[in-house]
Protein backbone atom coordinates (compact mmCIF):
# COMPACT_ATOMS: atom_id res chain seq x y z
CA MET A 1 0.04 -0.03 0.01
CA LYS A 2 1.29 3.40 -0.96
CA LYS A 3 2.14 5.99 1.70
CA PRO A 4 -0.76 8.42 0.90
CA PHE A 5 -3.31 5.72 1.51
CA LYS A 6 -1.63 4.74 4.83
CA ILE A 7 -1.78 8.36 6.00
CA ILE A 8 -5.49 8.56 5.08
CA LEU A 9 -6.12 5.34 7.15
CA LEU A 10 -4.17 6.71 10.11
CA ILE A 11 -6.26 9.96 10.01
CA SER A 12 -9.37 7.77 9.78
CA ILE A 13 -8.39 5.93 12.97
CA LEU A 14 -7.65 9.20 14.75
CA CYS A 15 -11.13 10.50 13.88
CA LEU A 16 -12.66 7.28 15.16
CA LEU A 17 -10.78 7.68 18.40
CA ILE A 18 -12.10 11.20 18.75
CA SER A 19 -15.68 9.97 18.22
CA LEU A 20 -15.20 7.33 20.82
CA ALA A 21 -13.82 9.86 23.24
CA PHE A 22 -16.95 12.02 22.91
CA ILE A 23 -19.16 9.00 23.40
CA ILE A 24 -17.30 7.92 26.60
CA MET A 25 -17.53 11.41 27.95
CA GLY A 26 -21.38 11.30 27.42
CA GLN A 27 -21.29 13.84 24.64
CA GLY A 28 -22.40 11.48 21.78
CA GLU A 29 -24.18 14.23 19.93
CA LYS A 30 -20.71 15.75 19.16
CA ALA A 31 -19.29 12.60 17.72
CA GLY A 32 -21.18 12.81 14.42
CA PRO A 33 -18.83 14.87 12.23
CA SER A 34 -15.60 12.96 13.29
CA LEU A 35 -17.33 9.60 12.91
CA VAL A 36 -18.60 10.55 9.37
CA LEU A 37 -15.12 11.75 8.45
CA SER A 38 -13.62 8.57 9.78
CA PHE A 39 -15.84 6.40 7.52
CA VAL A 40 -15.22 8.66 4.49
CA LEU A 41 -11.42 8.53 4.92
CA LEU A 42 -11.56 4.79 5.60
CA ALA A 43 -13.47 4.33 2.28
CA LEU A 44 -10.73 6.33 0.47
CA GLY A 45 -7.93 4.58 2.34
CA VAL A 46 -9.05 1.04 1.50
CA ARG A 47 -8.91 1.95 -2.19
CA GLY A 48 -5.20 1.53 -1.90
CA HIS A 49 -5.41 -2.12 -0.84
CA ALA A 50 -5.98 -4.71 -3.52
CA ILE A 51 -8.09 -7.02 -1.36
CA PHE A 52 -10.18 -4.44 0.62
CA LYS A 53 -10.84 -1.83 -2.07
CA GLY A 54 -14.09 -3.59 -2.97
CA PHE A 55 -15.46 -2.54 0.42
CA SER A 56 -15.09 1.14 -0.39
CA PHE A 57 -18.79 1.70 -1.46
CA THR A 58 -20.11 -0.17 1.49
CA ILE A 59 -18.05 1.96 3.87
CA LEU A 60 -19.42 5.06 2.16
CA ILE A 61 -22.95 3.70 2.87
CA PHE A 62 -21.99 3.63 6.60
CA ALA A 63 -20.91 7.15 6.32
CA ALA A 64 -24.28 8.11 4.82
CA VAL A 65 -26.13 6.10 7.49
CA THR A 66 -24.14 7.87 10.17
CA VAL A 67 -25.07 11.31 8.78
CA SER A 68 -28.78 10.43 8.70
CA MET A 69 -28.61 9.04 12.25
CA PHE A 70 -27.07 12.20 13.62
CA TYR A 71 -28.91 14.70 11.46
CA PRO A 72 -32.18 12.96 10.45
CA ALA A 73 -34.08 16.21 9.76
CA TYR A 74 -32.06 16.87 6.65
CA PHE A 75 -33.14 13.58 5.10
CA VAL A 76 -36.89 13.55 5.94
CA LYS A 77 -38.08 16.74 4.22
CA LEU A 78 -36.67 19.32 1.87
CA GLY A 79 -38.94 22.28 2.45
CA SER A 80 -42.42 20.80 2.15
CA PHE A 81 -41.26 17.95 -0.06
CA GLU A 82 -41.04 14.50 1.72
CA LEU A 83 -37.78 12.84 0.54
CA LYS A 84 -39.23 9.42 0.96
CA LEU A 85 -41.14 10.04 -2.29
CA LEU A 86 -37.82 9.76 -4.08
CA ILE A 87 -37.42 6.04 -3.25
CA VAL A 88 -39.73 4.54 -5.91
CA PRO A 89 -38.41 6.71 -8.79
CA LEU A 90 -34.85 5.91 -7.70
CA LEU A 91 -35.68 2.11 -7.61
CA GLN A 92 -37.21 2.44 -11.07
CA ILE A 93 -34.04 3.98 -12.44
CA ILE A 94 -31.94 1.23 -10.81
CA MET A 95 -34.20 -1.47 -12.22
CA PHE A 96 -34.01 0.19 -15.67
CA GLY A 97 -30.23 0.01 -15.37
CA MET A 98 -30.60 -3.66 -14.47
CA GLY A 99 -32.61 -4.19 -17.68
CA THR A 100 -30.04 -2.43 -19.87
CA ALA A 101 -27.42 -4.82 -18.49
CA MET A 102 -29.49 -7.81 -19.38
CA SER A 103 -30.62 -9.45 -22.66
CA MET A 104 -33.04 -12.29 -23.53
CA LYS A 105 -30.04 -14.62 -23.61
CA ASP A 106 -29.99 -14.41 -19.80
CA PHE A 107 -33.30 -16.19 -19.70
CA LEU A 108 -32.24 -19.01 -21.94
CA GLY A 109 -30.37 -20.47 -19.04
CA VAL A 110 -33.72 -21.90 -17.90
CA VAL A 111 -33.44 -24.21 -20.97
CA LYS A 112 -29.67 -24.74 -20.76
CA MET A 113 -29.45 -25.27 -17.02
CA PRO A 114 -32.95 -26.46 -15.96
CA LYS A 115 -31.76 -28.36 -12.86
CA GLY A 116 -29.64 -25.48 -11.56
CA VAL A 117 -32.40 -22.94 -12.16
CA LEU A 118 -35.10 -25.06 -10.55
CA VAL A 119 -32.89 -25.94 -7.45
CA GLY A 120 -31.91 -22.27 -7.09
CA LEU A 121 -35.45 -20.99 -7.29
CA ILE A 122 -36.64 -23.64 -4.77
CA CYS A 123 -33.92 -22.63 -2.30
CA GLN A 124 -34.49 -18.89 -2.99
CA PHE A 125 -38.17 -18.84 -2.20
CA THR A 126 -38.16 -21.38 0.70
CA ILE A 127 -34.99 -20.79 2.79
CA MET A 128 -35.00 -17.10 3.23
CA PRO A 129 -38.77 -16.43 4.01
CA VAL A 130 -38.84 -19.34 6.47
CA LEU A 131 -35.69 -18.05 8.07
CA GLY A 132 -37.04 -14.53 8.12
CA PHE A 133 -40.24 -15.67 9.92
CA SER A 134 -38.25 -17.83 12.40
CA ILE A 135 -35.80 -15.03 13.23
CA ALA A 136 -38.43 -12.39 13.53
CA THR A 137 -40.43 -14.68 15.92
CA MET A 138 -37.30 -15.67 17.92
CA PHE A 139 -36.30 -12.07 18.58
CA GLY A 140 -39.82 -11.01 19.43
CA PHE A 141 -39.69 -7.82 17.35
CA GLU A 142 -42.77 -5.69 17.18
CA ALA A 143 -45.10 -6.59 14.35
CA GLU A 144 -43.95 -4.14 11.61
CA ILE A 145 -40.29 -4.69 12.22
CA ALA A 146 -40.92 -8.43 12.06
CA ALA A 147 -42.74 -7.99 8.78
CA GLY A 148 -39.75 -6.26 7.35
CA ILE A 149 -37.49 -9.18 8.12
CA VAL A 150 -39.96 -11.55 6.37
CA LEU A 151 -40.07 -8.99 3.52
CA ILE A 152 -36.31 -9.08 2.87
CA GLY A 153 -36.45 -12.82 2.99
CA SER A 154 -39.38 -12.98 0.43
CA SER A 155 -37.56 -10.71 -2.02
CA PRO A 156 -35.63 -11.90 -5.15
CA SER A 157 -31.90 -11.75 -5.46
CA GLY A 158 -30.32 -8.68 -6.78
CA LEU A 159 -27.50 -7.71 -9.19
CA ALA A 160 -24.93 -7.70 -6.44
CA SER A 161 -25.08 -11.53 -6.33
CA ASN A 162 -23.88 -11.65 -9.98
CA VAL A 163 -20.81 -9.64 -9.06
CA MET A 164 -20.09 -11.83 -6.16
CA ALA A 165 -20.54 -15.03 -8.26
CA TYR A 166 -17.99 -13.72 -10.67
CA LEU A 167 -15.46 -12.94 -7.89
CA ALA A 168 -16.11 -16.32 -6.23
CA LYS A 169 -15.41 -18.34 -9.43
CA ALA A 170 -18.95 -19.61 -9.32
CA ASN A 171 -21.34 -20.24 -12.25
CA LEU A 172 -21.88 -16.64 -13.48
CA ALA A 173 -24.32 -17.77 -16.22
CA LEU A 174 -26.54 -19.51 -13.61
CA SER A 175 -26.26 -16.55 -11.29
CA VAL A 176 -27.56 -14.14 -13.97
CA THR A 177 -30.32 -16.42 -14.98
CA LEU A 178 -31.41 -17.01 -11.35
CA THR A 179 -31.45 -13.21 -10.75
CA ALA A 180 -33.45 -12.57 -13.93
CA VAL A 181 -35.97 -15.35 -13.31
CA SER A 182 -36.50 -14.72 -9.61
CA THR A 183 -36.98 -11.05 -10.33
CA LEU A 184 -39.72 -11.77 -12.91
CA LEU A 185 -41.35 -14.21 -10.35
CA ALA A 186 -41.30 -11.56 -7.68
CA PRO A 187 -44.73 -9.96 -8.43
CA LEU A 188 -46.24 -13.46 -7.64
CA MET A 189 -43.96 -14.93 -5.17
CA THR A 190 -43.18 -12.00 -2.87
CA PRO A 191 -46.80 -11.06 -2.10
CA LEU A 192 -47.66 -14.86 -1.71
CA LEU A 193 -44.84 -15.43 0.71
CA MET A 194 -45.65 -12.19 2.64
CA LYS A 195 -49.28 -13.28 2.91
CA ILE A 196 -48.20 -16.64 4.27
CA PHE A 197 -45.41 -15.60 6.68
CA ALA A 198 -46.09 -11.97 7.44
CA GLY A 199 -49.85 -11.98 7.48
CA GLU A 200 -49.98 -12.54 11.21
CA PHE A 201 -47.78 -9.45 11.86
CA VAL A 202 -49.38 -6.90 9.47
CA PRO A 203 -52.27 -6.91 6.96
CA ILE A 204 -51.02 -7.92 3.47
CA ASP A 205 -52.85 -6.80 0.38
CA PHE A 206 -51.78 -9.42 -2.18
CA TRP A 207 -52.95 -7.66 -5.31
CA SER A 208 -51.77 -4.24 -4.25
CA MET A 209 -48.29 -5.56 -3.52
CA MET A 210 -48.27 -7.42 -6.86
CA LEU A 211 -49.06 -4.18 -8.69
CA SER A 212 -46.42 -2.28 -6.70
CA ILE A 213 -43.70 -4.73 -7.58
CA THR A 214 -44.75 -4.75 -11.27
CA LYS A 215 -44.53 -0.89 -11.34
CA ILE A 216 -41.17 -0.81 -9.38
CA VAL A 217 -39.36 -3.74 -11.10
CA ILE A 218 -40.98 -5.39 -14.03
CA LEU A 219 -41.94 -2.40 -16.19
CA PRO A 220 -38.52 -0.65 -15.79
CA ILE A 221 -36.65 -3.86 -16.50
CA ILE A 222 -38.73 -4.46 -19.66
CA ILE A 223 -37.96 -0.92 -20.82
CA GLY A 224 -34.34 -1.54 -20.05
CA LEU A 225 -34.31 -4.77 -22.03
CA LEU A 226 -35.92 -3.05 -25.03
CA PHE A 227 -33.43 -0.22 -24.71
CA ASN A 228 -30.58 -2.73 -24.75
CA HIS A 229 -32.04 -4.55 -27.75
CA PHE A 230 -32.52 -1.51 -29.97
CA PHE A 231 -29.62 0.69 -28.76
CA HIS A 232 -27.02 -1.85 -27.76
CA GLY A 233 -23.53 -0.25 -28.09
CA LYS A 234 -25.01 3.02 -29.22
CA ALA A 235 -25.13 4.63 -25.77
CA LYS A 236 -21.82 3.78 -24.17
CA TRP A 237 -22.11 6.76 -21.82
CA LEU A 238 -25.21 5.11 -20.31
CA ASP A 239 -23.36 1.77 -19.65
CA LYS A 240 -20.72 3.76 -17.76
CA ALA A 241 -23.16 5.99 -15.93
CA MET A 242 -25.71 3.42 -14.77
CA PRO A 243 -23.45 1.65 -12.21
CA ILE A 244 -22.63 4.96 -10.58
CA VAL A 245 -26.24 6.11 -10.66
CA SER A 246 -27.34 2.78 -9.18
CA MET A 247 -24.83 2.96 -6.34
CA ALA A 248 -25.83 6.64 -5.58
CA GLY A 249 -29.42 5.57 -5.70
CA ILE A 250 -28.96 2.83 -3.18
CA ALA A 251 -27.03 5.18 -0.93
CA ILE A 252 -29.80 7.81 -1.03
CA ILE A 253 -32.56 5.19 -0.37
CA ILE A 254 -30.72 3.76 2.63
CA THR A 255 -30.14 7.23 4.00
CA ILE A 256 -33.69 8.32 3.73
CA ILE A 257 -35.07 5.07 5.33
CA THR A 258 -32.47 5.34 8.17
CA ALA A 259 -33.48 8.91 8.90
CA ALA A 260 -37.25 8.07 8.83
CA GLY A 261 -36.72 5.05 11.23
CA ARG A 262 -34.07 6.64 13.38
CA ASP A 263 -35.94 6.41 16.66
CA SER A 264 -36.78 2.75 16.15
CA LEU A 265 -33.09 1.97 15.21
CA LEU A 266 -31.88 3.62 18.37
CA SER A 267 -34.08 1.27 20.45
CA ILE A 268 -33.62 -2.05 18.54
CA GLY A 269 -30.65 -1.34 16.19
CA LEU A 270 -28.19 -3.79 17.68
CA PHE A 271 -30.74 -6.59 17.76
CA LEU A 272 -31.80 -5.81 14.17
CA ILE A 273 -28.22 -5.95 12.98
CA LEU A 274 -27.73 -9.25 14.78
CA ALA A 275 -30.90 -10.57 13.12
CA ALA A 276 -29.62 -9.40 9.69
CA ILE A 277 -26.22 -11.19 10.23
CA ILE A 278 -27.98 -14.43 11.25
CA HIS A 279 -30.39 -14.29 8.34
CA ASN A 280 -27.79 -13.56 5.78
CA SER A 281 -25.25 -16.03 7.05
CA ALA A 282 -27.78 -18.84 7.37
CA GLY A 283 -28.96 -18.08 3.86
CA TYR A 284 -25.47 -18.66 2.50
CA PHE A 285 -25.00 -21.85 4.50
CA LEU A 286 -28.35 -23.42 3.77
CA GLY A 287 -28.19 -22.30 0.04
CA TYR A 288 -24.82 -24.03 -0.41
CA TRP A 289 -25.77 -27.20 1.31
CA GLY A 290 -29.16 -27.15 -0.38
CA GLY A 291 -27.28 -27.33 -3.67
CA ARG A 292 -25.17 -30.11 -2.26
CA ALA A 293 -28.35 -32.02 -1.26
CA PHE A 294 -29.39 -31.96 -4.97
CA LYS A 295 -25.97 -33.16 -6.01
CA MET A 296 -24.96 -29.85 -7.72
CA ASN A 297 -21.35 -29.27 -8.48
CA GLU A 298 -19.13 -26.89 -6.49
CA LYS A 299 -19.55 -23.85 -8.76
CA ASP A 300 -23.35 -24.19 -8.75
CA CYS A 301 -23.49 -24.57 -5.05
CA ARG A 302 -21.46 -21.40 -4.60
CA THR A 303 -23.81 -19.60 -6.97
CA ILE A 304 -26.94 -20.81 -5.19
CA ALA A 305 -25.46 -19.87 -1.78
CA LEU A 306 -24.87 -16.24 -3.07
CA GLU A 307 -28.29 -16.05 -4.80
CA VAL A 308 -30.16 -17.23 -1.67
CA GLY A 309 -28.08 -15.13 0.77
CA MET A 310 -28.03 -11.86 -1.12
CA GLN A 311 -31.55 -10.36 -1.51
CA ASN A 312 -32.84 -7.26 -3.37
CA GLY A 313 -32.94 -4.89 -0.47
CA GLY A 314 -33.90 -1.98 -2.73
CA LEU A 315 -37.05 -3.74 -3.86
CA ALA A 316 -37.98 -4.57 -0.28
CA SER A 317 -37.53 -0.85 0.62
CA GLY A 318 -39.83 0.17 -2.25
CA ILE A 319 -42.45 -2.23 -1.10
CA ALA A 320 -42.33 -0.95 2.43
CA LEU A 321 -42.86 2.51 1.07
CA GLU A 322 -45.84 1.38 -0.95
CA MET A 323 -47.25 -0.24 2.22
CA GLY A 324 -46.90 3.27 3.90
CA LYS A 325 -44.51 1.72 6.53
CA VAL A 326 -41.06 2.73 5.30
CA ALA A 327 -40.00 3.86 8.83
CA THR A 328 -40.72 0.36 10.32
CA VAL A 329 -41.11 -2.36 7.70
CA GLY A 330 -38.28 -0.64 5.65
CA LEU A 331 -35.74 -0.85 8.40
CA ALA A 332 -34.82 -4.45 7.95
CA PRO A 333 -33.96 -4.04 4.34
CA ALA A 334 -31.97 -0.94 5.09
CA VAL A 335 -29.87 -2.84 7.64
CA PHE A 336 -29.64 -5.96 5.54
CA GLY A 337 -28.19 -4.17 2.44
CA PRO A 338 -24.98 -2.88 3.73
CA TRP A 339 -24.23 -6.06 5.72
CA MET A 340 -25.02 -8.25 2.68
CA ASN A 341 -22.35 -6.34 0.67
CA ILE A 342 -19.80 -6.88 3.37
CA SER A 343 -20.51 -10.55 3.88
CA GLY A 344 -20.93 -11.25 0.13
CA SER A 345 -17.56 -9.61 -0.69
CA SER A 346 -15.81 -11.51 2.09
CA LEU A 347 -17.27 -14.83 1.10
CA ALA A 348 -16.52 -14.26 -2.58
CA THR A 349 -12.98 -13.28 -1.78
CA TRP A 350 -12.54 -16.46 0.34
CA TRP A 351 -13.95 -18.65 -2.42
CA ARG A 352 -11.74 -16.83 -5.08
CA ASP A 353 -8.67 -18.26 -3.57
CA ARG A 354 -10.10 -21.80 -3.58
CA ASP A 355 -10.37 -23.11 -7.19
CA PRO A 356 -13.47 -25.35 -7.46
CA ASP A 357 -11.89 -27.43 -10.21
CA ASN A 358 -8.58 -27.99 -8.46
CA PRO A 359 -8.31 -31.07 -6.33
CA LYS A 360 -5.28 -29.65 -4.48
CA GLU A 361 -7.62 -27.11 -2.95
CA GLY A 362 -9.05 -29.92 -0.80
CA GLN A 363 -11.84 -31.28 -2.98
CA ALA A 364 -12.16 -33.61 -5.89
CA PRO A 365 -12.92 -32.22 -9.44
CA GLU A 366 -16.59 -31.77 -10.01
CA LYS A 367 -18.66 -33.24 -12.72
CA LYS A 368 -20.56 -30.79 -14.75
CA ASN A 369 -24.37 -30.97 -14.41
CA LYS A 370 -26.33 -31.74 -17.51
């Protein structure tokens, strides 16, 4: 690591120590600026490290969350305009970007890899909602917080899982297909699973939720697919801009939700973080071994683990807003999102150094699934 990055990291640590000093002295309200600066500098500092630079965006998310926790008023309203109204349009832009990055070829994997797709979808729409319901019940969260945990478990996987599958030397083609198919099934499966598992926590309007998901996800993706089909290669600026726009959109959404639910987070934040860690980690574990149970090869098992463990938190946030409960139901997706990126990156990095086809890595070569 070059010296400038080391200096930045040292200043980041200093800022963190200043924040801790304020908290220890009982002046936590003064810790905000130094804590935010600590996260921002840490995000810049890790850019100089080959392994940890992938965490830069996630650390910036923590900086944004810290700002919204200390100064929530700035992220609730802008004049008379309620900032939560930005969530759905931002999600639609993100989903449009997802569509432009896809093509109809991504859906052909259903024909080429039927077993992998079927096993992945079964694991996706059984493991996480059951886990969500179990964890919410175990922790005894209030009804709307519990419903949010079930909601994140009932959502499809997101594009982040495709990136992690690539880094983990998993089956990228299967990952892309599973993300595409699970997203298209979301208008049916997410409301159904919410009705089954979250119905005892909050009232669930199946048809209203289905229409909301169609509006937030399906229509923008279809427009993005059409754009990609007719203008592929003709708008290179858009290809470069959409990842940046998507990351910024996710950061803004999480910041708005955090500000809206600040009071709830202050009372249950640590327990909700613990619930998110258990939910996410169990998803990876059970997804991987679910693939093993169906005799999938190592690459496919890694793929299914990442697809199951990494949910579309943005979609869950949009649904929470459409339900009119973004400050409560929306909290679990807001907490799950940043943690998912940390855990997914870590797992992918660990797998990256373990070649699935190399018997010297401690396992026999895998037979390819038909």
